[in-house]
Full PDB file with SEQRES, HELIX, SHEET, SSBOND, CRYST1, ORIGX, SCALE, CONECT and MASTER records, all heavy atoms in Angstrom:
SEQRES   1 A   35  PHE LEU ILE LEU ALA PHE LEU ALA LEU PHE ASP GLY ALA          
SEQRES   2 A   35  LEU GLN LEU PHE VAL LEU GLN PRO THR LYS VAL GLU PRO          
SEQRES   3 A   35  GLU THR GLN LYS GLY THR PRO LEU LEU                          
HELIX    1 AA1 LEU A    2  VAL A   18  1                                  17    
CRYST1    1.000    1.000    1.000  90.00  90.00  90.00 P 1           1          
ORIGX1      1.000000  0.000000  0.000000        0.00000                         
ORIGX2      0.000000  1.000000  0.000000        0.00000                         
ORIGX3      0.000000  0.000000  1.000000        0.00000                         
SCALE1      1.000000  0.000000  0.000000        0.00000                         
SCALE2      0.000000  1.000000  0.000000        0.00000                         
SCALE3      0.000000  0.000000  1.000000        0.00000                         
ATOM      1  N   PHE A   1      11.610 -13.895 -13.741  1.00  0.00           N  
ATOM      2  CA  PHE A   1      11.081 -12.555 -13.502  1.00  0.00           C  
ATOM      3  C   PHE A   1       9.645 -12.421 -13.997  1.00  0.00           C  
ATOM      4  O   PHE A   1       8.842 -11.695 -13.398  1.00  0.00           O  
ATOM      5  CB  PHE A   1      11.983 -11.506 -14.165  1.00  0.00           C  
ATOM      6  CG  PHE A   1      13.344 -11.414 -13.543  1.00  0.00           C  
ATOM      7  CD1 PHE A   1      14.455 -11.903 -14.189  1.00  0.00           C  
ATOM      8  CD2 PHE A   1      13.515 -10.832 -12.290  1.00  0.00           C  
ATOM      9  CE1 PHE A   1      15.716 -11.825 -13.617  1.00  0.00           C  
ATOM     10  CE2 PHE A   1      14.766 -10.753 -11.708  1.00  0.00           C  
ATOM     11  CZ  PHE A   1      15.861 -11.252 -12.366  1.00  0.00           C  
ATOM     12  N   LEU A   2       9.292 -13.108 -15.082  1.00  0.00           N  
ATOM     13  CA  LEU A   2       7.906 -13.079 -15.549  1.00  0.00           C  
ATOM     14  C   LEU A   2       6.983 -13.776 -14.552  1.00  0.00           C  
ATOM     15  O   LEU A   2       5.853 -13.325 -14.321  1.00  0.00           O  
ATOM     16  CB  LEU A   2       7.811 -13.744 -16.923  1.00  0.00           C  
ATOM     17  CG  LEU A   2       8.460 -12.994 -18.089  1.00  0.00           C  
ATOM     18  CD1 LEU A   2       8.280 -13.763 -19.385  1.00  0.00           C  
ATOM     19  CD2 LEU A   2       7.881 -11.587 -18.220  1.00  0.00           C  
ATOM     20  N   ILE A   3       7.454 -14.856 -13.942  1.00  0.00           N  
ATOM     21  CA  ILE A   3       6.653 -15.528 -12.916  1.00  0.00           C  
ATOM     22  C   ILE A   3       6.447 -14.606 -11.716  1.00  0.00           C  
ATOM     23  O   ILE A   3       5.343 -14.510 -11.159  1.00  0.00           O  
ATOM     24  CB  ILE A   3       7.330 -16.849 -12.499  1.00  0.00           C  
ATOM     25  CG1 ILE A   3       7.326 -17.845 -13.669  1.00  0.00           C  
ATOM     26  CG2 ILE A   3       6.632 -17.461 -11.285  1.00  0.00           C  
ATOM     27  CD1 ILE A   3       8.094 -19.118 -13.392  1.00  0.00           C  
ATOM     28  N   LEU A   4       7.510 -13.905 -11.317  1.00  0.00           N  
ATOM     29  CA  LEU A   4       7.385 -12.962 -10.209  1.00  0.00           C  
ATOM     30  C   LEU A   4       6.427 -11.823 -10.541  1.00  0.00           C  
ATOM     31  O   LEU A   4       5.679 -11.358  -9.680  1.00  0.00           O  
ATOM     32  CB  LEU A   4       8.761 -12.395  -9.851  1.00  0.00           C  
ATOM     33  CG  LEU A   4       9.735 -13.351  -9.161  1.00  0.00           C  
ATOM     34  CD1 LEU A   4      11.065 -12.655  -8.935  1.00  0.00           C  
ATOM     35  CD2 LEU A   4       9.168 -13.834  -7.840  1.00  0.00           C  
ATOM     36  N   ALA A   5       6.457 -11.369 -11.780  1.00  0.00           N  
ATOM     37  CA  ALA A   5       5.545 -10.297 -12.184  1.00  0.00           C  
ATOM     38  C   ALA A   5       4.093 -10.751 -12.080  1.00  0.00           C  
ATOM     39  O   ALA A   5       3.211  -9.991 -11.647  1.00  0.00           O  
ATOM     40  CB  ALA A   5       5.867  -9.850 -13.609  1.00  0.00           C  
ATOM     41  N   PHE A   6       3.816 -12.011 -12.451  1.00  0.00           N  
ATOM     42  CA  PHE A   6       2.464 -12.557 -12.324  1.00  0.00           C  
ATOM     43  C   PHE A   6       2.038 -12.614 -10.859  1.00  0.00           C  
ATOM     44  O   PHE A   6       0.905 -12.247 -10.505  1.00  0.00           O  
ATOM     45  CB  PHE A   6       2.409 -13.944 -12.955  1.00  0.00           C  
ATOM     46  CG  PHE A   6       1.086 -14.641 -12.778  1.00  0.00           C  
ATOM     47  CD1 PHE A   6      -0.005 -14.291 -13.556  1.00  0.00           C  
ATOM     48  CD2 PHE A   6       0.935 -15.634 -11.822  1.00  0.00           C  
ATOM     49  CE1 PHE A   6      -1.234 -14.929 -13.386  1.00  0.00           C  
ATOM     50  CE2 PHE A   6      -0.277 -16.275 -11.644  1.00  0.00           C  
ATOM     51  CZ  PHE A   6      -1.368 -15.919 -12.434  1.00  0.00           C  
ATOM     52  N   LEU A   7       2.939 -13.064  -9.986  1.00  0.00           N  
ATOM     53  CA  LEU A   7       2.619 -13.109  -8.556  1.00  0.00           C  
ATOM     54  C   LEU A   7       2.412 -11.707  -7.991  1.00  0.00           C  
ATOM     55  O   LEU A   7       1.580 -11.496  -7.098  1.00  0.00           O  
ATOM     56  CB  LEU A   7       3.744 -13.819  -7.796  1.00  0.00           C  
ATOM     57  CG  LEU A   7       3.934 -15.309  -8.102  1.00  0.00           C  
ATOM     58  CD1 LEU A   7       5.149 -15.857  -7.348  1.00  0.00           C  
ATOM     59  CD2 LEU A   7       2.684 -16.094  -7.735  1.00  0.00           C  
ATOM     60  N   ALA A   8       3.165 -10.736  -8.507  1.00  0.00           N  
ATOM     61  CA  ALA A   8       3.010  -9.360  -8.051  1.00  0.00           C  
ATOM     62  C   ALA A   8       1.630  -8.810  -8.406  1.00  0.00           C  
ATOM     63  O   ALA A   8       1.037  -8.054  -7.632  1.00  0.00           O  
ATOM     64  CB  ALA A   8       4.101  -8.479  -8.665  1.00  0.00           C  
ATOM     65  N   LEU A   9       1.107  -9.191  -9.575  1.00  0.00           N  
ATOM     66  CA  LEU A   9      -0.246  -8.763  -9.937  1.00  0.00           C  
ATOM     67  C   LEU A   9      -1.277  -9.302  -8.947  1.00  0.00           C  
ATOM     68  O   LEU A   9      -2.231  -8.603  -8.580  1.00  0.00           O  
ATOM     69  CB  LEU A   9      -0.580  -9.248 -11.348  1.00  0.00           C  
ATOM     70  CG  LEU A   9       0.053  -8.482 -12.511  1.00  0.00           C  
ATOM     71  CD1 LEU A   9      -0.329  -9.134 -13.830  1.00  0.00           C  
ATOM     72  CD2 LEU A   9      -0.380  -7.016 -12.486  1.00  0.00           C  
ATOM     73  N   PHE A  10      -1.095 -10.531  -8.502  1.00  0.00           N  
ATOM     74  CA  PHE A  10      -1.993 -11.117  -7.504  1.00  0.00           C  
ATOM     75  C   PHE A  10      -1.915 -10.334  -6.195  1.00  0.00           C  
ATOM     76  O   PHE A  10      -2.935 -10.054  -5.560  1.00  0.00           O  
ATOM     77  CB  PHE A  10      -1.620 -12.582  -7.280  1.00  0.00           C  
ATOM     78  CG  PHE A  10      -2.450 -13.276  -6.245  1.00  0.00           C  
ATOM     79  CD1 PHE A  10      -3.778 -13.599  -6.493  1.00  0.00           C  
ATOM     80  CD2 PHE A  10      -1.911 -13.604  -5.009  1.00  0.00           C  
ATOM     81  CE1 PHE A  10      -4.549 -14.236  -5.541  1.00  0.00           C  
ATOM     82  CE2 PHE A  10      -2.672 -14.242  -4.047  1.00  0.00           C  
ATOM     83  CZ  PHE A  10      -4.000 -14.556  -4.314  1.00  0.00           C  
ATOM     84  N   ASP A  11      -0.683  -9.953  -5.786  1.00  0.00           N  
ATOM     85  CA  ASP A  11      -0.507  -9.158  -4.575  1.00  0.00           C  
ATOM     86  C   ASP A  11      -1.177  -7.796  -4.721  1.00  0.00           C  
ATOM     87  O   ASP A  11      -1.801  -7.292  -3.775  1.00  0.00           O  
ATOM     88  CB  ASP A  11       0.992  -8.983  -4.293  1.00  0.00           C  
ATOM     89  CG  ASP A  11       1.252  -8.057  -3.119  1.00  0.00           C  
ATOM     90  OD1 ASP A  11       0.827  -8.376  -1.992  1.00  0.00           O  
ATOM     91  OD2 ASP A  11       1.876  -6.999  -3.315  1.00  0.00           O  
ATOM     92  N   GLY A  12      -1.064  -7.184  -5.900  1.00  0.00           N  
ATOM     93  CA  GLY A  12      -1.708  -5.890  -6.127  1.00  0.00           C  
ATOM     94  C   GLY A  12      -3.215  -5.972  -6.017  1.00  0.00           C  
ATOM     95  O   GLY A  12      -3.862  -5.066  -5.480  1.00  0.00           O  
ATOM     96  N   ALA A  13      -3.792  -7.075  -6.498  1.00  0.00           N  
ATOM     97  CA  ALA A  13      -5.239  -7.245  -6.389  1.00  0.00           C  
ATOM     98  C   ALA A  13      -5.665  -7.366  -4.924  1.00  0.00           C  
ATOM     99  O   ALA A  13      -6.693  -6.807  -4.512  1.00  0.00           O  
ATOM    100  CB  ALA A  13      -5.668  -8.483  -7.179  1.00  0.00           C  
ATOM    101  N   LEU A  14      -4.873  -8.082  -4.118  1.00  0.00           N  
ATOM    102  CA  LEU A  14      -5.181  -8.196  -2.690  1.00  0.00           C  
ATOM    103  C   LEU A  14      -5.105  -6.837  -2.004  1.00  0.00           C  
ATOM    104  O   LEU A  14      -5.931  -6.523  -1.141  1.00  0.00           O  
ATOM    105  CB  LEU A  14      -4.206  -9.176  -2.030  1.00  0.00           C  
ATOM    106  CG  LEU A  14      -4.401 -10.661  -2.325  1.00  0.00           C  
ATOM    107  CD1 LEU A  14      -3.334 -11.488  -1.623  1.00  0.00           C  
ATOM    108  CD2 LEU A  14      -5.792 -11.119  -1.880  1.00  0.00           C  
ATOM    109  N   GLN A  15      -4.116  -6.029  -2.367  1.00  0.00           N  
ATOM    110  CA  GLN A  15      -3.994  -4.702  -1.769  1.00  0.00           C  
ATOM    111  C   GLN A  15      -5.194  -3.834  -2.097  1.00  0.00           C  
ATOM    112  O   GLN A  15      -5.707  -3.103  -1.238  1.00  0.00           O  
ATOM    113  CB  GLN A  15      -2.703  -4.027  -2.251  1.00  0.00           C  
ATOM    114  CG  GLN A  15      -1.433  -4.635  -1.683  1.00  0.00           C  
ATOM    115  CD  GLN A  15      -0.214  -3.794  -1.998  1.00  0.00           C  
ATOM    116  OE1 GLN A  15      -0.291  -2.574  -2.103  1.00  0.00           O  
ATOM    117  NE2 GLN A  15       0.919  -4.448  -2.160  1.00  0.00           N  
ATOM    118  N   LEU A  16      -5.656  -3.875  -3.347  1.00  0.00           N  
ATOM    119  CA  LEU A  16      -6.827  -3.090  -3.727  1.00  0.00           C  
ATOM    120  C   LEU A  16      -8.058  -3.515  -2.941  1.00  0.00           C  
ATOM    121  O   LEU A  16      -8.896  -2.683  -2.570  1.00  0.00           O  
ATOM    122  CB  LEU A  16      -7.089  -3.241  -5.227  1.00  0.00           C  
ATOM    123  CG  LEU A  16      -6.144  -2.486  -6.176  1.00  0.00           C  
ATOM    124  CD1 LEU A  16      -6.420  -2.884  -7.617  1.00  0.00           C  
ATOM    125  CD2 LEU A  16      -6.306  -0.983  -5.996  1.00  0.00           C  
ATOM    126  N   PHE A  17      -8.165  -4.807  -2.651  1.00  0.00           N  
ATOM    127  CA  PHE A  17      -9.344  -5.323  -1.966  1.00  0.00           C  
ATOM    128  C   PHE A  17      -9.283  -5.078  -0.459  1.00  0.00           C  
ATOM    129  O   PHE A  17     -10.278  -4.693   0.159  1.00  0.00           O  
ATOM    130  CB  PHE A  17      -9.489  -6.820  -2.250  1.00  0.00           C  
ATOM    131  CG  PHE A  17     -10.680  -7.454  -1.583  1.00  0.00           C  
ATOM    132  CD1 PHE A  17     -11.973  -7.212  -2.053  1.00  0.00           C  
ATOM    133  CD2 PHE A  17     -10.528  -8.274  -0.476  1.00  0.00           C  
ATOM    134  CE1 PHE A  17     -13.066  -7.790  -1.434  1.00  0.00           C  
ATOM    135  CE2 PHE A  17     -11.615  -8.856   0.147  1.00  0.00           C  
ATOM    136  CZ  PHE A  17     -12.895  -8.611  -0.331  1.00  0.00           C  
ATOM    137  N   VAL A  18      -8.103  -5.283   0.153  1.00  0.00           N  
ATOM    138  CA  VAL A  18      -7.981  -5.224   1.613  1.00  0.00           C  
ATOM    139  C   VAL A  18      -7.623  -3.825   2.106  1.00  0.00           C  
ATOM    140  O   VAL A  18      -8.290  -3.269   2.988  1.00  0.00           O  
ATOM    141  CB  VAL A  18      -6.932  -6.251   2.106  1.00  0.00           C  
ATOM    142  CG1 VAL A  18      -6.743  -6.141   3.615  1.00  0.00           C  
ATOM    143  CG2 VAL A  18      -7.340  -7.661   1.717  1.00  0.00           C  
ATOM    144  N   LEU A  19      -6.570  -3.241   1.551  1.00  0.00           N  
ATOM    145  CA  LEU A  19      -6.083  -1.957   2.060  1.00  0.00           C  
ATOM    146  C   LEU A  19      -6.843  -0.764   1.517  1.00  0.00           C  
ATOM    147  O   LEU A  19      -6.846   0.302   2.133  1.00  0.00           O  
ATOM    148  CB  LEU A  19      -4.584  -1.798   1.728  1.00  0.00           C  
ATOM    149  CG  LEU A  19      -3.637  -2.813   2.360  1.00  0.00           C  
ATOM    150  CD1 LEU A  19      -2.205  -2.512   1.958  1.00  0.00           C  
ATOM    151  CD2 LEU A  19      -3.772  -2.795   3.882  1.00  0.00           C  
ATOM    152  N   GLN A  20      -7.491  -0.923   0.356  1.00  0.00           N  
ATOM    153  CA  GLN A  20      -8.215   0.172  -0.286  1.00  0.00           C  
ATOM    154  C   GLN A  20      -7.341   1.437  -0.361  1.00  0.00           C  
ATOM    155  O   GLN A  20      -7.585   2.429   0.328  1.00  0.00           O  
ATOM    156  CB  GLN A  20      -9.513   0.467   0.472  1.00  0.00           C  
ATOM    157  CG  GLN A  20     -10.476  -0.716   0.487  1.00  0.00           C  
ATOM    158  CD  GLN A  20     -11.748  -0.430   1.263  1.00  0.00           C  
ATOM    159  OE1 GLN A  20     -11.862   0.585   1.945  1.00  0.00           O  
ATOM    160  NE2 GLN A  20     -12.709  -1.342   1.172  1.00  0.00           N  
ATOM    161  N   PRO A  21      -6.299   1.397  -1.190  1.00  0.00           N  
ATOM    162  CA  PRO A  21      -5.320   2.488  -1.208  1.00  0.00           C  
ATOM    163  C   PRO A  21      -5.847   3.807  -1.747  1.00  0.00           C  
ATOM    164  O   PRO A  21      -5.133   4.817  -1.726  1.00  0.00           O  
ATOM    165  CB  PRO A  21      -4.215   1.941  -2.124  1.00  0.00           C  
ATOM    166  CG  PRO A  21      -4.890   0.932  -2.974  1.00  0.00           C  
ATOM    167  CD  PRO A  21      -5.946   0.325  -2.129  1.00  0.00           C  
ATOM    168  N   THR A  22      -7.091   3.846  -2.234  1.00  0.00           N  
ATOM    169  CA  THR A  22      -7.636   5.119  -2.714  1.00  0.00           C  
ATOM    170  C   THR A  22      -7.988   6.056  -1.562  1.00  0.00           C  
ATOM    171  O   THR A  22      -8.149   7.258  -1.770  1.00  0.00           O  
ATOM    172  CB  THR A  22      -8.884   4.863  -3.567  1.00  0.00           C  
ATOM    173  OG1 THR A  22      -9.825   4.094  -2.809  1.00  0.00           O  
ATOM    174  CG2 THR A  22      -8.523   4.103  -4.835  1.00  0.00           C  
ATOM    175  N   LYS A  23      -8.092   5.506  -0.351  1.00  0.00           N  
ATOM    176  CA  LYS A  23      -8.413   6.332   0.808  1.00  0.00           C  
ATOM    177  C   LYS A  23      -7.161   7.008   1.350  1.00  0.00           C  
ATOM    178  O   LYS A  23      -6.117   6.380   1.468  1.00  0.00           O  
ATOM    179  CB  LYS A  23      -9.048   5.480   1.924  1.00  0.00           C  
ATOM    180  CG  LYS A  23     -10.403   4.891   1.558  1.00  0.00           C  
ATOM    181  CD  LYS A  23     -10.969   4.109   2.730  1.00  0.00           C  
ATOM    182  CE  LYS A  23     -12.337   3.529   2.384  1.00  0.00           C  
ATOM    183  NZ  LYS A  23     -12.908   2.759   3.539  1.00  0.00           N  
ATOM    184  N   VAL A  24      -7.269   8.282   1.676  1.00  0.00           N  
ATOM    185  CA  VAL A  24      -6.174   9.038   2.285  1.00  0.00           C  
ATOM    186  C   VAL A  24      -6.515   9.251   3.754  1.00  0.00           C  
ATOM    187  O   VAL A  24      -7.507   9.902   4.079  1.00  0.00           O  
ATOM    188  CB  VAL A  24      -5.948  10.386   1.577  1.00  0.00           C  
ATOM    189  CG1 VAL A  24      -4.867  11.187   2.286  1.00  0.00           C  
ATOM    190  CG2 VAL A  24      -5.580  10.157   0.124  1.00  0.00           C  
ATOM    191  N   GLU A  25      -5.709   8.688   4.650  1.00  0.00           N  
ATOM    192  CA  GLU A  25      -5.971   8.759   6.090  1.00  0.00           C  
ATOM    193  C   GLU A  25      -4.742   9.306   6.804  1.00  0.00           C  
ATOM    194  O   GLU A  25      -3.902   8.548   7.300  1.00  0.00           O  
ATOM    195  CB  GLU A  25      -6.332   7.373   6.641  1.00  0.00           C  
ATOM    196  CG  GLU A  25      -7.581   6.775   6.016  1.00  0.00           C  
ATOM    197  CD  GLU A  25      -7.897   5.391   6.551  1.00  0.00           C  
ATOM    198  OE1 GLU A  25      -7.067   4.880   7.338  1.00  0.00           O  
ATOM    199  OE2 GLU A  25      -8.947   4.837   6.210  1.00  0.00           O  
ATOM    200  N   PRO A  26      -4.611  10.630   6.879  1.00  0.00           N  
ATOM    201  CA  PRO A  26      -3.435  11.208   7.551  1.00  0.00           C  
ATOM    202  C   PRO A  26      -3.505  11.026   9.053  1.00  0.00           C  
ATOM    203  O   PRO A  26      -4.576  10.808   9.632  1.00  0.00           O  
ATOM    204  CB  PRO A  26      -3.521  12.688   7.165  1.00  0.00           C  
ATOM    205  CG  PRO A  26      -4.974  12.930   6.911  1.00  0.00           C  
ATOM    206  CD  PRO A  26      -5.508  11.649   6.326  1.00  0.00           C  
ATOM    207  N   GLU A  27      -2.326  11.108   9.702  1.00  0.00           N  
ATOM    208  CA  GLU A  27      -2.276  11.053  11.163  1.00  0.00           C  
ATOM    209  C   GLU A  27      -2.936  12.303  11.749  1.00  0.00           C  
ATOM    210  O   GLU A  27      -2.855  13.395  11.177  1.00  0.00           O  
ATOM    211  CB  GLU A  27      -0.818  10.970  11.632  1.00  0.00           C  
ATOM    212  CG  GLU A  27      -0.127   9.670  11.253  1.00  0.00           C  
ATOM    213  CD  GLU A  27      -0.494   8.533  12.180  1.00  0.00           C  
ATOM    214  OE1 GLU A  27      -1.291   8.773  13.099  1.00  0.00           O  
ATOM    215  OE2 GLU A  27       0.005   7.416  11.975  1.00  0.00           O  
ATOM    216  N   THR A  28      -3.598  12.133  12.902  1.00  0.00           N  
ATOM    217  CA  THR A  28      -4.305  13.246  13.525  1.00  0.00           C  
ATOM    218  C   THR A  28      -3.392  14.117  14.376  1.00  0.00           C  
ATOM    219  O   THR A  28      -3.814  15.157  14.865  1.00  0.00           O  
ATOM    220  CB  THR A  28      -5.446  12.714  14.407  1.00  0.00           C  
ATOM    221  OG1 THR A  28      -4.897  11.801  15.374  1.00  0.00           O  
ATOM    222  CG2 THR A  28      -6.473  11.991  13.547  1.00  0.00           C  
ATOM    223  N   GLN A  29      -2.150  13.700  14.571  1.00  0.00           N  
ATOM    224  CA  GLN A  29      -1.209  14.495  15.349  1.00  0.00           C  
ATOM    225  C   GLN A  29       0.112  14.596  14.603  1.00  0.00           C  
ATOM    226  O   GLN A  29       0.450  13.744  13.787  1.00  0.00           O  
ATOM    227  CB  GLN A  29      -0.981  13.871  16.727  1.00  0.00           C  
ATOM    228  CG  GLN A  29      -0.560  12.418  16.692  1.00  0.00           C  
ATOM    229  CD  GLN A  29      -0.493  11.804  18.067  1.00  0.00           C  
ATOM    230  OE1 GLN A  29      -0.519  12.506  19.076  1.00  0.00           O  
ATOM    231  NE2 GLN A  29      -0.394  10.489  18.133  1.00  0.00           N  
ATOM    232  N   LYS A  30       0.828  15.655  14.869  1.00  0.00           N  
ATOM    233  CA  LYS A  30       2.087  15.900  14.189  1.00  0.00           C  
ATOM    234  C   LYS A  30       3.196  15.082  14.842  1.00  0.00           C  
ATOM    235  O   LYS A  30       3.402  15.110  16.046  1.00  0.00           O  
ATOM    236  CB  LYS A  30       2.430  17.390  14.242  1.00  0.00           C  
ATOM    237  CG  LYS A  30       3.681  17.755  13.451  1.00  0.00           C  
ATOM    238  CD  LYS A  30       3.937  19.252  13.483  1.00  0.00           C  
ATOM    239  CE  LYS A  30       5.192  19.607  12.686  1.00  0.00           C  
ATOM    240  NZ  LYS A  30       5.464  21.068  12.735  1.00  0.00           N  
ATOM    241  N   GLY A  31       3.921  14.343  14.020  1.00  0.00           N  
ATOM    242  CA  GLY A  31       4.984  13.506  14.535  1.00  0.00           C  
ATOM    243  C   GLY A  31       6.245  14.284  14.851  1.00  0.00           C  
ATOM    244  O   GLY A  31       6.412  15.451  14.458  1.00  0.00           O  
ATOM    245  N   THR A  32       7.159  13.640  15.576  1.00  0.00           N  
ATOM    246  CA  THR A  32       8.454  14.244  15.897  1.00  0.00           C  
ATOM    247  C   THR A  32       9.259  14.430  14.616  1.00  0.00           C  
ATOM    248  O   THR A  32       9.288  13.539  13.770  1.00  0.00           O  
ATOM    249  CB  THR A  32       9.233  13.333  16.871  1.00  0.00           C  
ATOM    250  OG1 THR A  32       8.426  13.072  18.018  1.00  0.00           O  
ATOM    251  CG2 THR A  32      10.533  13.997  17.298  1.00  0.00           C  
ATOM    252  N   PRO A  33       9.898  15.601  14.434  1.00  0.00           N  
ATOM    253  CA  PRO A  33      10.693  15.823  13.220  1.00  0.00           C  
ATOM    254  C   PRO A  33      11.757  14.758  13.026  1.00  0.00           C  
ATOM    255  O   PRO A  33      12.310  14.206  13.986  1.00  0.00           O  
ATOM    256  CB  PRO A  33      11.318  17.209  13.453  1.00  0.00           C  
ATOM    257  CG  PRO A  33      10.398  17.880  14.417  1.00  0.00           C  
ATOM    258  CD  PRO A  33       9.859  16.785  15.297  1.00  0.00           C  
ATOM    259  N   LEU A  34      12.054  14.479  11.771  1.00  0.00           N  
ATOM    260  CA  LEU A  34      13.011  13.430  11.426  1.00  0.00           C  
ATOM    261  C   LEU A  34      14.385  13.704  12.011  1.00  0.00           C  
ATOM    262  O   LEU A  34      15.055  12.798  12.533  1.00  0.00           O  
ATOM    263  CB  LEU A  34      13.098  13.295   9.900  1.00  0.00           C  
ATOM    264  CG  LEU A  34      13.959  12.163   9.354  1.00  0.00           C  
ATOM    265  CD1 LEU A  34      13.362  10.810   9.730  1.00  0.00           C  
ATOM    266  CD2 LEU A  34      14.098  12.270   7.841  1.00  0.00           C  
ATOM    267  N   LEU A  35      14.836  14.959  11.957  1.00  0.00           N  
ATOM    268  CA  LEU A  35      16.166  15.299  12.470  1.00  0.00           C  
ATOM    269  C   LEU A  35      16.247  15.096  13.976  1.00  0.00           C  
ATOM    270  O   LEU A  35      17.294  14.685  14.492  1.00  0.00           O  
ATOM    271  CB  LEU A  35      16.517  16.747  12.109  1.00  0.00           C  
ATOM    272  CG  LEU A  35      16.784  17.024  10.622  1.00  0.00           C  
ATOM    273  CD1 LEU A  35      17.061  18.509  10.400  1.00  0.00           C  
ATOM    274  CD2 LEU A  35      17.965  16.194  10.126  1.00  0.00           C  
TER     275      LEU A  35                                                      
MASTER        0    0    0    1    0    0    0    6  274    1    0    3          
END                                                                             
């Protein structure tokens, strides 16, 4: 589990670099209700 935690930190760094999760990009149209 400690090895997996280390690999998860690497994945988190990639997400910060590629996906830039600080940006909020909502959909421009309203989706069909879940029900």
